[in-house]
PDB file of all heavy atoms in Angstrom:
ATOM      1  N   LEU A   1     -17.640  75.283 174.694  1.00  0.00           N
ATOM      2  CA  LEU A   1     -18.610  74.923 173.659  1.00  0.00           C
ATOM      3  C   LEU A   1     -19.104  76.155 172.900  1.00  0.00           C
ATOM      4  O   LEU A   1     -19.666  76.027 171.806  1.00  0.00           O
ATOM      5  CB  LEU A   1     -19.791  74.169 174.279  1.00  0.00           C
ATOM      6  CG  LEU A   1     -19.508  72.769 174.826  1.00  0.00           C
ATOM      7  CD1 LEU A   1     -20.777  72.208 175.496  1.00  0.00           C
ATOM      8  CD2 LEU A   1     -19.014  71.842 173.725  1.00  0.00           C
ATOM      9  N   ILE A   2     -18.929  77.324 173.506  1.00  0.00           N
ATOM     10  CA  ILE A   2     -19.397  78.565 172.906  1.00  0.00           C
ATOM     11  C   ILE A   2     -18.258  79.167 172.071  1.00  0.00           C
ATOM     12  O   ILE A   2     -17.209  79.518 172.586  1.00  0.00           O
ATOM     13  CB  ILE A   2     -19.831  79.582 173.957  1.00  0.00           C
ATOM     14  CG1 ILE A   2     -20.848  78.930 174.927  1.00  0.00           C
ATOM     15  CG2 ILE A   2     -20.415  80.828 173.314  1.00  0.00           C
ATOM     16  CD1 ILE A   2     -22.127  78.478 174.288  1.00  0.00           C
ATOM     17  N   LYS A   3     -18.455  79.298 170.761  1.00  0.00           N
ATOM     18  CA  LYS A   3     -17.426  79.872 169.875  1.00  0.00           C
ATOM     19  C   LYS A   3     -17.376  81.385 170.051  1.00  0.00           C
ATOM     20  O   LYS A   3     -16.301  81.991 169.862  1.00  0.00           O
ATOM     21  CB  LYS A   3     -17.723  79.528 168.423  1.00  0.00           C
ATOM     22  CG  LYS A   3     -17.716  78.022 168.113  1.00  0.00           C
ATOM     23  CD  LYS A   3     -17.931  77.811 166.616  1.00  0.00           C
ATOM     24  CE  LYS A   3     -18.018  76.317 166.283  1.00  0.00           C
ATOM     25  NZ  LYS A   3     -19.286  75.745 166.661  1.00  0.00           N
ATOM     26  N   ALA A   4     -18.484  82.018 170.312  1.00  0.00           N
ATOM     27  CA  ALA A   4     -18.541  83.469 170.459  1.00  0.00           C
ATOM     28  C   ALA A   4     -17.805  83.942 171.700  1.00  0.00           C
ATOM     29  O   ALA A   4     -17.605  83.170 172.645  1.00  0.00           O
ATOM     30  CB  ALA A   4     -19.987  83.938 170.493  1.00  0.00           C
ATOM     31  N   GLU A   5     -17.431  85.215 171.707  1.00  0.00           N
ATOM     32  CA  GLU A   5     -16.788  85.827 172.864  1.00  0.00           C
ATOM     33  C   GLU A   5     -17.867  86.075 173.916  1.00  0.00           C
ATOM     34  O   GLU A   5     -18.920  86.656 173.592  1.00  0.00           O
ATOM     35  CB  GLU A   5     -16.108  87.128 172.445  1.00  0.00           C
ATOM     36  CG  GLU A   5     -15.063  87.590 173.431  1.00  0.00           C
ATOM     37  CD  GLU A   5     -14.223  88.727 172.866  1.00  0.00           C
ATOM     38  OE1 GLU A   5     -13.493  88.488 171.882  1.00  0.00           O
ATOM     39  OE2 GLU A   5     -14.288  89.843 173.408  1.00  0.00           O
ATOM     40  N   ILE A   6     -17.639  85.708 175.162  1.00  0.00           N
ATOM     41  CA  ILE A   6     -18.657  85.787 176.194  1.00  0.00           C
ATOM     42  C   ILE A   6     -18.405  86.984 177.105  1.00  0.00           C
ATOM     43  O   ILE A   6     -17.318  87.194 177.621  1.00  0.00           O
ATOM     44  CB  ILE A   6     -18.646  84.493 177.068  1.00  0.00           C
ATOM     45  CG1 ILE A   6     -18.886  83.279 176.176  1.00  0.00           C
ATOM     46  CG2 ILE A   6     -19.701  84.590 178.174  1.00  0.00           C
ATOM     47  CD1 ILE A   6     -18.603  81.929 176.899  1.00  0.00           C
ATOM     48  N   HIS A   7     -19.473  87.793 177.273  1.00  0.00           N
ATOM     49  CA  HIS A   7     -19.431  88.973 178.169  1.00  0.00           C
ATOM     50  C   HIS A   7     -20.688  88.993 179.016  1.00  0.00           C
ATOM     51  O   HIS A   7     -21.783  89.251 178.511  1.00  0.00           O
ATOM     52  CB  HIS A   7     -19.336  90.273 177.348  1.00  0.00           C
ATOM     53  CG  HIS A   7     -18.070  90.424 176.593  1.00  0.00           C
ATOM     54  ND1 HIS A   7     -16.978  91.142 177.063  1.00  0.00           N
ATOM     55  CD2 HIS A   7     -17.673  89.941 175.379  1.00  0.00           C
ATOM     56  CE1 HIS A   7     -16.004  91.097 176.182  1.00  0.00           C
ATOM     57  NE2 HIS A   7     -16.396  90.369 175.149  1.00  0.00           N
ATOM     58  N   GLU A   8     -20.584  88.690 180.308  1.00  0.00           N
ATOM     59  CA  GLU A   8     -21.757  88.606 181.155  1.00  0.00           C
ATOM     60  C   GLU A   8     -22.182  90.000 181.639  1.00  0.00           C
ATOM     61  O   GLU A   8     -21.440  90.980 181.553  1.00  0.00           O
ATOM     62  CB  GLU A   8     -21.488  87.711 182.361  1.00  0.00           C
ATOM     63  CG  GLU A   8     -20.554  88.307 183.407  1.00  0.00           C
ATOM     64  CD  GLU A   8     -19.077  88.012 183.131  1.00  0.00           C
ATOM     65  OE1 GLU A   8     -18.743  87.535 182.043  1.00  0.00           O
ATOM     66  OE2 GLU A   8     -18.250  88.296 184.041  1.00  0.00           O
ATOM     67  N   TRP A   9     -23.406  90.063 182.120  1.00  0.00           N
ATOM     68  CA  TRP A   9     -23.962  91.300 182.688  1.00  0.00           C
ATOM     69  C   TRP A   9     -24.970  90.898 183.780  1.00  0.00           C
ATOM     70  O   TRP A   9     -25.539  89.812 183.749  1.00  0.00           O
ATOM     71  CB  TRP A   9     -24.660  92.116 181.613  1.00  0.00           C
ATOM     72  CG  TRP A   9     -25.756  91.419 180.902  1.00  0.00           C
ATOM     73  CD1 TRP A   9     -25.628  90.494 179.871  1.00  0.00           C
ATOM     74  CD2 TRP A   9     -27.167  91.526 181.129  1.00  0.00           C
ATOM     75  NE1 TRP A   9     -26.838  90.029 179.472  1.00  0.00           N
ATOM     76  CE2 TRP A   9     -27.815  90.637 180.204  1.00  0.00           C
ATOM     77  CE3 TRP A   9     -27.960  92.286 181.991  1.00  0.00           C
ATOM     78  CZ2 TRP A   9     -29.206  90.497 180.162  1.00  0.00           C
ATOM     79  CZ3 TRP A   9     -29.339  92.121 181.946  1.00  0.00           C
ATOM     80  CH2 TRP A   9     -29.946  91.259 181.036  1.00  0.00           C
ATOM     81  N   LYS A  10     -25.182  91.777 184.762  1.00  0.00           N
ATOM     82  CA  LYS A  10     -26.038  91.402 185.874  1.00  0.00           C
ATOM     83  C   LYS A  10     -27.320  92.218 185.967  1.00  0.00           C
ATOM     84  O   LYS A  10     -28.314  91.778 186.534  1.00  0.00           O
ATOM     85  CB  LYS A  10     -25.289  91.458 187.199  1.00  0.00           C
ATOM     86  CG  LYS A  10     -24.853  92.853 187.619  1.00  0.00           C
ATOM     87  CD  LYS A  10     -24.121  92.806 188.972  1.00  0.00           C
ATOM     88  CE  LYS A  10     -23.746  94.173 189.486  1.00  0.00           C
ATOM     89  NZ  LYS A  10     -22.771  94.880 188.640  1.00  0.00           N
ATOM     90  N   ASP A  11     -27.319  93.468 185.455  1.00  0.00           N
ATOM     91  CA  ASP A  11     -28.492  94.324 185.506  1.00  0.00           C
ATOM     92  C   ASP A  11     -28.503  95.306 184.348  1.00  0.00           C
ATOM     93  O   ASP A  11     -27.606  95.257 183.483  1.00  0.00           O
ATOM     94  CB  ASP A  11     -28.537  95.100 186.840  1.00  0.00           C
ATOM     95  CG  ASP A  11     -27.296  95.910 187.098  1.00  0.00           C
ATOM     96  OD1 ASP A  11     -26.603  96.324 186.124  1.00  0.00           O
ATOM     97  OD2 ASP A  11     -26.954  96.191 188.273  1.00  0.00           O
ATOM     98  N   GLY A  12     -29.508  96.182 184.280  1.00  0.00           N
ATOM     99  CA  GLY A  12     -29.637  97.071 183.168  1.00  0.00           C
ATOM    100  C   GLY A  12     -28.446  97.999 182.988  1.00  0.00           C
ATOM    101  O   GLY A  12     -28.041  98.288 181.854  1.00  0.00           O
ATOM    102  N   ALA A  13     -27.889  98.492 184.080  1.00  0.00           N
ATOM    103  CA  ALA A  13     -26.758  99.389 183.999  1.00  0.00           C
ATOM    104  C   ALA A  13     -25.558  98.701 183.364  1.00  0.00           C
ATOM    105  O   ALA A  13     -24.865  99.255 182.502  1.00  0.00           O
ATOM    106  CB  ALA A  13     -26.399  99.929 185.412  1.00  0.00           C
ATOM    107  N   GLU A  14     -25.283  97.459 183.844  1.00  0.00           N
ATOM    108  CA  GLU A  14     -24.171  96.724 183.289  1.00  0.00           C
ATOM    109  C   GLU A  14     -24.440  96.276 181.859  1.00  0.00           C
ATOM    110  O   GLU A  14     -23.532  96.240 181.005  1.00  0.00           O
ATOM    111  CB  GLU A  14     -23.831  95.531 184.161  1.00  0.00           C
ATOM    112  CG  GLU A  14     -22.485  94.912 183.835  1.00  0.00           C
ATOM    113  CD  GLU A  14     -21.981  93.969 184.918  1.00  0.00           C
ATOM    114  OE1 GLU A  14     -22.810  93.347 185.618  1.00  0.00           O
ATOM    115  OE2 GLU A  14     -20.740  93.842 185.025  1.00  0.00           O
ATOM    116  N   MET A  15     -25.679  95.949 181.542  1.00  0.00           N
ATOM    117  CA  MET A  15     -26.031  95.595 180.170  1.00  0.00           C
ATOM    118  C   MET A  15     -25.679  96.733 179.221  1.00  0.00           C
ATOM    119  O   MET A  15     -25.033  96.533 178.170  1.00  0.00           O
ATOM    120  CB  MET A  15     -27.519  95.289 180.028  1.00  0.00           C
ATOM    121  CG  MET A  15     -27.896  95.015 178.552  1.00  0.00           C
ATOM    122  SD  MET A  15     -29.573  95.481 178.130  1.00  0.00           S
ATOM    123  CE  MET A  15     -30.468  94.046 178.683  1.00  0.00           C
ATOM    124  N   GLU A  16     -26.092  97.947 179.591  1.00  0.00           N
ATOM    125  CA  GLU A  16     -25.817  99.111 178.722  1.00  0.00           C
ATOM    126  C   GLU A  16     -24.315  99.314 178.557  1.00  0.00           C
ATOM    127  O   GLU A  16     -23.838  99.488 177.432  1.00  0.00           O
ATOM    128  CB  GLU A  16     -26.442 100.370 179.324  1.00  0.00           C
ATOM    129  CG  GLU A  16     -26.193 101.604 178.461  1.00  0.00           C
ATOM    130  CD  GLU A  16     -26.802 102.857 179.057  1.00  0.00           C
ATOM    131  OE1 GLU A  16     -26.742 103.048 180.286  1.00  0.00           O
ATOM    132  OE2 GLU A  16     -27.362 103.658 178.268  1.00  0.00           O
ATOM    133  N   ARG A  17     -23.582  99.261 179.647  1.00  0.00           N
ATOM    134  CA  ARG A  17     -22.138  99.503 179.581  1.00  0.00           C
ATOM    135  C   ARG A  17     -21.431  98.475 178.716  1.00  0.00           C
ATOM    136  O   ARG A  17     -20.648  98.802 177.824  1.00  0.00           O
ATOM    137  CB  ARG A  17     -21.532  99.490 180.995  1.00  0.00           C
ATOM    138  CG  ARG A  17     -20.023  99.685 181.010  1.00  0.00           C
ATOM    139  CD  ARG A  17     -19.503  99.696 182.435  1.00  0.00           C
ATOM    140  NE  ARG A  17     -19.756  98.448 183.145  1.00  0.00           N
ATOM    141  CZ  ARG A  17     -19.011  97.356 182.976  1.00  0.00           C
ATOM    142  NH1 ARG A  17     -18.012  97.313 182.104  1.00  0.00           N
ATOM    143  NH2 ARG A  17     -19.295  96.268 183.665  1.00  0.00           N
ATOM    144  N   VAL A  18     -21.743  97.176 178.956  1.00  0.00           N
ATOM    145  CA  VAL A  18     -21.068  96.131 178.202  1.00  0.00           C
ATOM    146  C   VAL A  18     -21.451  96.137 176.750  1.00  0.00           C
ATOM    147  O   VAL A  18     -20.618  96.006 175.850  1.00  0.00           O
ATOM    148  CB  VAL A  18     -21.401  94.731 178.834  1.00  0.00           C
ATOM    149  CG1 VAL A  18     -20.832  93.610 178.000  1.00  0.00           C
ATOM    150  CG2 VAL A  18     -20.839  94.659 180.250  1.00  0.00           C
ATOM    151  N   LEU A  19     -22.749  96.304 176.457  1.00  0.00           N
ATOM    152  CA  LEU A  19     -23.234  96.313 175.073  1.00  0.00           C
ATOM    153  C   LEU A  19     -22.560  97.444 174.273  1.00  0.00           C
ATOM    154  O   LEU A  19     -22.079  97.228 173.159  1.00  0.00           O
ATOM    155  CB  LEU A  19     -24.749  96.462 175.038  1.00  0.00           C
ATOM    156  CG  LEU A  19     -25.392  96.568 173.640  1.00  0.00           C
ATOM    157  CD1 LEU A  19     -25.081  95.354 172.796  1.00  0.00           C
ATOM    158  CD2 LEU A  19     -26.910  96.801 173.755  1.00  0.00           C
ATOM    159  N   LEU A  20     -22.544  98.639 174.837  1.00  0.00           N
ATOM    160  CA  LEU A  20     -21.959  99.765 174.121  1.00  0.00           C
ATOM    161  C   LEU A  20     -20.463  99.642 173.970  1.00  0.00           C
ATOM    162  O   LEU A  20     -19.885 100.081 172.931  1.00  0.00           O
ATOM    163  CB  LEU A  20     -22.341 101.093 174.794  1.00  0.00           C
ATOM    164  CG  LEU A  20     -23.836 101.405 174.832  1.00  0.00           C
ATOM    165  CD1 LEU A  20     -24.096 102.765 175.429  1.00  0.00           C
ATOM    166  CD2 LEU A  20     -24.441 101.331 173.446  1.00  0.00           C
ATOM    167  N   GLN A  21     -19.803  99.011 174.937  1.00  0.00           N
ATOM    168  CA  GLN A  21     -18.350  98.744 174.809  1.00  0.00           C
ATOM    169  C   GLN A  21     -18.094  97.785 173.637  1.00  0.00           C
ATOM    170  O   GLN A  21     -17.136  98.012 172.856  1.00  0.00           O
ATOM    171  CB  GLN A  21     -17.806  98.153 176.097  1.00  0.00           C
ATOM    172  CG  GLN A  21     -17.587  99.170 177.204  1.00  0.00           C
ATOM    173  CD  GLN A  21     -17.077  98.532 178.492  1.00  0.00           C
ATOM    174  OE1 GLN A  21     -17.076  97.300 178.637  1.00  0.00           O
ATOM    175  NE2 GLN A  21     -16.667  99.337 179.447  1.00  0.00           N
ATOM    176  N   ILE A  22     -18.906  96.743 173.525  1.00  0.00           N
ATOM    177  CA  ILE A  22     -18.700  95.782 172.419  1.00  0.00           C
ATOM    178  C   ILE A  22     -18.961  96.462 171.072  1.00  0.00           C
ATOM    179  O   ILE A  22     -18.212  96.261 170.107  1.00  0.00           O
ATOM    180  CB  ILE A  22     -19.650  94.578 172.607  1.00  0.00           C
ATOM    181  CG1 ILE A  22     -19.237  93.778 173.858  1.00  0.00           C
ATOM    182  CG2 ILE A  22     -19.599  93.683 171.367  1.00  0.00           C
ATOM    183  CD1 ILE A  22     -20.196  92.642 174.184  1.00  0.00           C
ATOM    184  N   ILE A  23     -20.028  97.243 170.986  1.00  0.00           N
ATOM    185  CA  ILE A  23     -20.332  97.952 169.735  1.00  0.00           C
ATOM    186  C   ILE A  23     -19.199  98.871 169.349  1.00  0.00           C
ATOM    187  O   ILE A  23     -18.771  98.910 168.195  1.00  0.00           O
ATOM    188  CB  ILE A  23     -21.670  98.737 169.881  1.00  0.00           C
ATOM    189  CG1 ILE A  23     -22.848  97.771 170.006  1.00  0.00           C
ATOM    190  CG2 ILE A  23     -21.873  99.663 168.643  1.00  0.00           C
ATOM    191  CD1 ILE A  23     -24.159  98.462 170.379  1.00  0.00           C
ATOM    192  N   ASP A  24     -18.653  99.589 170.341  1.00  0.00           N
ATOM    193  CA  ASP A  24     -17.540 100.503 170.090  1.00  0.00           C
ATOM    194  C   ASP A  24     -16.307  99.717 169.607  1.00  0.00           C
ATOM    195  O   ASP A  24     -15.626 100.134 168.660  1.00  0.00           O
ATOM    196  CB  ASP A  24     -17.201 101.282 171.346  1.00  0.00           C
ATOM    197  CG  ASP A  24     -16.066 102.252 171.144  1.00  0.00           C
ATOM    198  OD1 ASP A  24     -16.208 103.203 170.368  1.00  0.00           O
ATOM    199  OD2 ASP A  24     -14.982 102.022 171.759  1.00  0.00           O
ATOM    200  N   ARG A  25     -16.063  98.596 170.244  1.00  0.00           N
ATOM    201  CA  ARG A  25     -14.896  97.761 169.871  1.00  0.00           C
ATOM    202  C   ARG A  25     -15.032  97.260 168.442  1.00  0.00           C
ATOM    203  O   ARG A  25     -14.078  97.330 167.662  1.00  0.00           O
ATOM    204  CB  ARG A  25     -14.773  96.604 170.852  1.00  0.00           C
ATOM    205  CG  ARG A  25     -13.707  95.600 170.470  1.00  0.00           C
ATOM    206  CD  ARG A  25     -13.639  94.509 171.506  1.00  0.00           C
ATOM    207  NE  ARG A  25     -12.932  93.328 171.015  1.00  0.00           N
ATOM    208  CZ  ARG A  25     -12.835  92.188 171.696  1.00  0.00           C
ATOM    209  NH1 ARG A  25     -13.386  92.107 172.909  1.00  0.00           N
ATOM    210  NH2 ARG A  25     -12.188  91.174 171.190  1.00  0.00           N
ATOM    211  N   ILE A  26     -16.229  96.737 168.093  1.00  0.00           N
ATOM    212  CA  ILE A  26     -16.438  96.217 166.741  1.00  0.00           C
ATOM    213  C   ILE A  26     -16.260  97.358 165.722  1.00  0.00           C
ATOM    214  O   ILE A  26     -15.641  97.174 164.678  1.00  0.00           O
ATOM    215  CB  ILE A  26     -17.837  95.577 166.598  1.00  0.00           C
ATOM    216  CG1 ILE A  26     -17.938  94.331 167.479  1.00  0.00           C
ATOM    217  CG2 ILE A  26     -18.128  95.220 165.150  1.00  0.00           C
ATOM    218  CD1 ILE A  26     -19.351  93.751 167.555  1.00  0.00           C
ATOM    219  N   SER A  27     -16.806  98.514 166.053  1.00  0.00           N
ATOM    220  CA  SER A  27     -16.728  99.649 165.137  1.00  0.00           C
ATOM    221  C   SER A  27     -15.272 100.089 164.925  1.00  0.00           C
ATOM    222  O   SER A  27     -14.860 100.385 163.801  1.00  0.00           O
ATOM    223  CB  SER A  27     -17.560 100.826 165.670  1.00  0.00           C
ATOM    224  OG  SER A  27     -18.924 100.480 165.770  1.00  0.00           O
ATOM    225  N   ARG A  28     -14.502 100.119 166.014  1.00  0.00           N
ATOM    226  CA  ARG A  28     -13.090 100.497 165.880  1.00  0.00           C
ATOM    227  C   ARG A  28     -12.308  99.496 165.062  1.00  0.00           C
ATOM    228  O   ARG A  28     -11.459  99.854 164.239  1.00  0.00           O
ATOM    229  CB  ARG A  28     -12.460 100.615 167.291  1.00  0.00           C
ATOM    230  CG  ARG A  28     -12.915 101.849 168.054  1.00  0.00           C
ATOM    231  CD  ARG A  28     -12.323 101.860 169.466  1.00  0.00           C
ATOM    232  NE  ARG A  28     -12.796 102.971 170.224  1.00  0.00           N
ATOM    233  CZ  ARG A  28     -12.245 104.207 170.193  1.00  0.00           C
ATOM    234  NH1 ARG A  28     -11.220 104.449 169.387  1.00  0.00           N
ATOM    235  NH2 ARG A  28     -12.748 105.184 170.927  1.00  0.00           N
ATOM    236  N   GLU A  29     -12.607  98.203 165.284  1.00  0.00           N
ATOM    237  CA  GLU A  29     -11.937  97.156 164.513  1.00  0.00           C
ATOM    238  C   GLU A  29     -12.266  97.275 163.026  1.00  0.00           C
ATOM    239  O   GLU A  29     -11.396  97.091 162.163  1.00  0.00           O
ATOM    240  CB  GLU A  29     -12.331  95.782 165.030  1.00  0.00           C
ATOM    241  CG  GLU A  29     -11.737  95.428 166.384  1.00  0.00           C
ATOM    242  CD  GLU A  29     -12.295  94.120 166.944  1.00  0.00           C
ATOM    243  OE1 GLU A  29     -13.232  93.592 166.371  1.00  0.00           O
ATOM    244  OE2 GLU A  29     -11.766  93.674 167.982  1.00  0.00           O
ATOM    245  N   GLU A  30     -13.511  97.641 162.744  1.00  0.00           N
ATOM    246  CA  GLU A  30     -13.922  97.813 161.353  1.00  0.00           C
ATOM    247  C   GLU A  30     -13.225  99.002 160.711  1.00  0.00           C
ATOM    248  O   GLU A  30     -12.789  98.956 159.560  1.00  0.00           O
ATOM    249  CB  GLU A  30     -15.464  98.017 161.308  1.00  0.00           C
ATOM    250  CG  GLU A  30     -16.052  97.967 159.910  1.00  0.00           C
ATOM    251  CD  GLU A  30     -16.037  96.586 159.295  1.00  0.00           C
ATOM    252  OE1 GLU A  30     -15.885  95.594 160.030  1.00  0.00           O
ATOM    253  OE2 GLU A  30     -16.183  96.523 158.071  1.00  0.00           O
ATOM    254  N   ILE A  31     -13.097 100.101 161.464  1.00  0.00           N
ATOM    255  CA  ILE A  31     -12.412 101.284 160.973  1.00  0.00           C
ATOM    256  C   ILE A  31     -10.943 100.953 160.693  1.00  0.00           C
ATOM    257  O   ILE A  31     -10.390 101.306 159.626  1.00  0.00           O
ATOM    258  CB  ILE A  31     -12.492 102.448 162.000  1.00  0.00           C
ATOM    259  CG1 ILE A  31     -13.920 102.962 162.054  1.00  0.00           C
ATOM    260  CG2 ILE A  31     -11.531 103.564 161.617  1.00  0.00           C
ATOM    261  CD1 ILE A  31     -14.178 103.942 163.186  1.00  0.00           C
ATOM    262  N   ASN A  32     -10.286 100.243 161.643  1.00  0.00           N
ATOM    263  CA  ASN A  32      -8.884  99.898 161.450  1.00  0.00           C
ATOM    264  C   ASN A  32      -8.700  98.943 160.272  1.00  0.00           C
ATOM    265  O   ASN A  32      -7.744  99.093 159.501  1.00  0.00           O
ATOM    266  CB  ASN A  32      -8.346  99.212 162.733  1.00  0.00           C
ATOM    267  CG  ASN A  32      -8.227 100.182 163.887  1.00  0.00           C
ATOM    268  OD1 ASN A  32      -8.129 101.383 163.690  1.00  0.00           O
ATOM    269  ND2 ASN A  32      -8.241  99.655 165.099  1.00  0.00           N
ATOM    270  N   SER A  33      -9.636  98.021 160.117  1.00  0.00           N
ATOM    271  CA  SER A  33      -9.574  97.088 158.975  1.00  0.00           C
ATOM    272  C   SER A  33      -9.710  97.824 157.651  1.00  0.00           C
ATOM    273  O   SER A  33      -8.979  97.584 156.699  1.00  0.00           O
ATOM    274  CB  SER A  33     -10.675  96.041 159.113  1.00  0.00           C
ATOM    275  OG  SER A  33     -10.719  95.198 157.985  1.00  0.00           O
ATOM    276  N   ASN A  34     -10.684  98.758 157.602  1.00  0.00           N
ATOM    277  CA  ASN A  34     -10.873  99.534 156.373  1.00  0.00           C
ATOM    278  C   ASN A  34      -9.681 100.428 156.093  1.00  0.00           C
ATOM    279  O   ASN A  34      -9.280 100.583 154.909  1.00  0.00           O
ATOM    280  CB  ASN A  34     -12.148 100.378 156.491  1.00  0.00           C
ATOM    281  CG  ASN A  34     -13.415  99.550 156.423  1.00  0.00           C
ATOM    282  OD1 ASN A  34     -13.384  98.435 155.912  1.00  0.00           O
ATOM    283  ND2 ASN A  34     -14.502 100.092 156.941  1.00  0.00           N
ATOM    284  N   SER A  35      -9.088 100.998 157.147  1.00  0.00           N
ATOM    285  CA  SER A  35      -7.902 101.837 156.960  1.00  0.00           C
ATOM    286  C   SER A  35      -6.738 101.031 156.403  1.00  0.00           C
ATOM    287  O   SER A  35      -5.997 101.474 155.531  1.00  0.00           O
ATOM    288  CB  SER A  35      -7.495 102.473 158.296  1.00  0.00           C
ATOM    289  OG  SER A  35      -8.502 103.344 158.771  1.00  0.00           O
ATOM    290  N   ALA A  36      -6.596  99.799 156.943  1.00  0.00           N
ATOM    291  CA  ALA A  36      -5.528  98.927 156.458  1.00  0.00           C
ATOM    292  C   ALA A  36      -5.717  98.544 155.000  1.00  0.00           C
ATOM    293  O   ALA A  36      -4.780  98.488 154.219  1.00  0.00           O
ATOM    294  CB  ALA A  36      -5.471  97.682 157.323  1.00  0.00           C
ATOM    295  N   LYS A  37      -6.981  98.298 154.621  1.00  0.00           N
ATOM    296  CA  LYS A  37      -7.289  97.958 153.240  1.00  0.00           C
ATOM    297  C   LYS A  37      -6.990  99.129 152.306  1.00  0.00           C
ATOM    298  O   LYS A  37      -6.439  98.985 151.208  1.00  0.00           O
ATOM    299  CB  LYS A  37      -8.744  97.548 153.092  1.00  0.00           C
ATOM    300  CG  LYS A  37      -9.071  96.192 153.731  1.00  0.00           C
ATOM    301  CD  LYS A  37     -10.558  95.895 153.657  1.00  0.00           C
ATOM    302  CE  LYS A  37     -10.913  94.593 154.340  1.00  0.00           C
ATOM    303  NZ  LYS A  37     -12.353  94.328 154.323  1.00  0.00           N
ATOM    304  N   LEU A  38      -7.354 100.369 152.759  1.00  0.00           N
ATOM    305  CA  LEU A  38      -7.108 101.550 151.967  1.00  0.00           C
ATOM    306  C   LEU A  38      -5.603 101.794 151.814  1.00  0.00           C
ATOM    307  O   LEU A  38      -5.133 102.145 150.753  1.00  0.00           O
ATOM    308  CB  LEU A  38      -7.776 102.779 152.597  1.00  0.00           C
ATOM    309  CG  LEU A  38      -9.302 102.836 152.479  1.00  0.00           C
ATOM    310  CD1 LEU A  38      -9.849 103.977 153.346  1.00  0.00           C
ATOM    311  CD2 LEU A  38      -9.712 103.034 151.034  1.00  0.00           C
ATOM    312  N   PHE A  39      -4.877 101.578 152.907  1.00  0.00           N
ATOM    313  CA  PHE A  39      -3.407 101.772 152.900  1.00  0.00           C
ATOM    314  C   PHE A  39      -2.767 100.767 151.940  1.00  0.00           C
ATOM    315  O   PHE A  39      -1.894 101.124 151.155  1.00  0.00           O
ATOM    316  CB  PHE A  39      -2.841 101.590 154.307  1.00  0.00           C
ATOM    317  CG  PHE A  39      -1.354 101.727 154.364  1.00  0.00           C
ATOM    318  CD1 PHE A  39      -0.736 102.976 154.296  1.00  0.00           C
ATOM    319  CD2 PHE A  39      -0.556 100.590 154.496  1.00  0.00           C
ATOM    320  CE1 PHE A  39       0.632 103.104 154.347  1.00  0.00           C
ATOM    321  CE2 PHE A  39       0.831 100.721 154.547  1.00  0.00           C
ATOM    322  CZ  PHE A  39       1.427 101.982 154.486  1.00  0.00           C
ATOM    323  N   SER A  40      -3.253  99.520 152.000  1.00  0.00           N
ATOM    324  CA  SER A  40      -2.709  98.499 151.136  1.00  0.00           C
ATOM    325  C   SER A  40      -3.003  98.814 149.665  1.00  0.00           C
ATOM    326  O   SER A  40      -2.139  98.674 148.781  1.00  0.00           O
ATOM    327  CB  SER A  40      -3.319  97.147 151.496  1.00  0.00           C
ATOM    328  OG  SER A  40      -2.899  96.128 150.613  1.00  0.00           O
ATOM    329  N   ALA A  41      -4.236  99.273 149.401  1.00  0.00           N
ATOM    330  CA  ALA A  41      -4.586  99.626 148.038  1.00  0.00           C
ATOM    331  C   ALA A  41      -3.781 100.816 147.545  1.00  0.00           C
ATOM    332  O   ALA A  41      -3.330 100.843 146.371  1.00  0.00           O
ATOM    333  CB  ALA A  41      -6.086  99.930 147.968  1.00  0.00           C
ATOM    334  N   ASP A  42      -3.554 101.794 148.432  1.00  0.00           N
ATOM    335  CA  ASP A  42      -2.782 102.981 148.051  1.00  0.00           C
ATOM    336  C   ASP A  42      -1.323 102.604 147.726  1.00  0.00           C
ATOM    337  O   ASP A  42      -0.750 103.089 146.783  1.00  0.00           O
ATOM    338  CB  ASP A  42      -2.816 103.989 149.206  1.00  0.00           C
ATOM    339  CG  ASP A  42      -2.193 105.301 148.823  1.00  0.00           C
ATOM    340  OD1 ASP A  42      -2.574 105.872 147.776  1.00  0.00           O
ATOM    341  OD2 ASP A  42      -1.298 105.787 149.560  1.00  0.00           O
ATOM    342  N   CYS A  43      -0.768 101.715 148.579  1.00  0.00           N
ATOM    343  CA  CYS A  43       0.602 101.245 148.342  1.00  0.00           C
ATOM    344  C   CYS A  43       0.704 100.525 146.986  1.00  0.00           C
ATOM    345  O   CYS A  43       1.695 100.683 146.240  1.00  0.00           O
ATOM    346  CB  CYS A  43       1.049 100.307 149.444  1.00  0.00           C
ATOM    347  SG  CYS A  43       1.353 101.175 151.028  1.00  0.00           S
ATOM    348  N   LYS A  44      -0.308  99.756 146.697  1.00  0.00           N
ATOM    349  CA  LYS A  44      -0.317  99.000 145.434  1.00  0.00           C
ATOM    350  C   LYS A  44      -0.368  99.954 144.233  1.00  0.00           C
ATOM    351  O   LYS A  44       0.351  99.765 143.228  1.00  0.00           O
ATOM    352  CB  LYS A  44      -1.522  98.055 145.401  1.00  0.00           C
ATOM    353  CG  LYS A  44      -1.534  97.134 144.193  1.00  0.00           C
ATOM    354  CD  LYS A  44      -2.694  96.138 144.278  1.00  0.00           C
ATOM    355  CE  LYS A  44      -2.704  95.230 143.064  1.00  0.00           C
ATOM    356  NZ  LYS A  44      -3.827  94.251 143.153  1.00  0.00           N
ATOM    357  N   LEU A  45      -1.172 101.021 144.359  1.00  0.00           N
ATOM    358  CA  LEU A  45      -1.268 101.999 143.279  1.00  0.00           C
ATOM    359  C   LEU A  45       0.044 102.737 143.079  1.00  0.00           C
ATOM    360  O   LEU A  45       0.479 103.007 141.972  1.00  0.00           O
ATOM    361  CB  LEU A  45      -2.378 103.002 143.585  1.00  0.00           C
ATOM    362  CG  LEU A  45      -3.831 102.492 143.416  1.00  0.00           C
ATOM    363  CD1 LEU A  45      -4.804 103.521 143.942  1.00  0.00           C
ATOM    364  CD2 LEU A  45      -4.094 102.190 141.922  1.00  0.00           C
TER     365      LEU A  45
END
């Protein structure tokens, strides 16, 4: 029923680790996406 990706945590230490891993993952995906867009635009030019 949950559309979002689920990542559980049990205490503060695990919360920090999981949260920062997700942030890092999203940031990397955004960088890769922007790089792909730039590459596509460059190829088009």
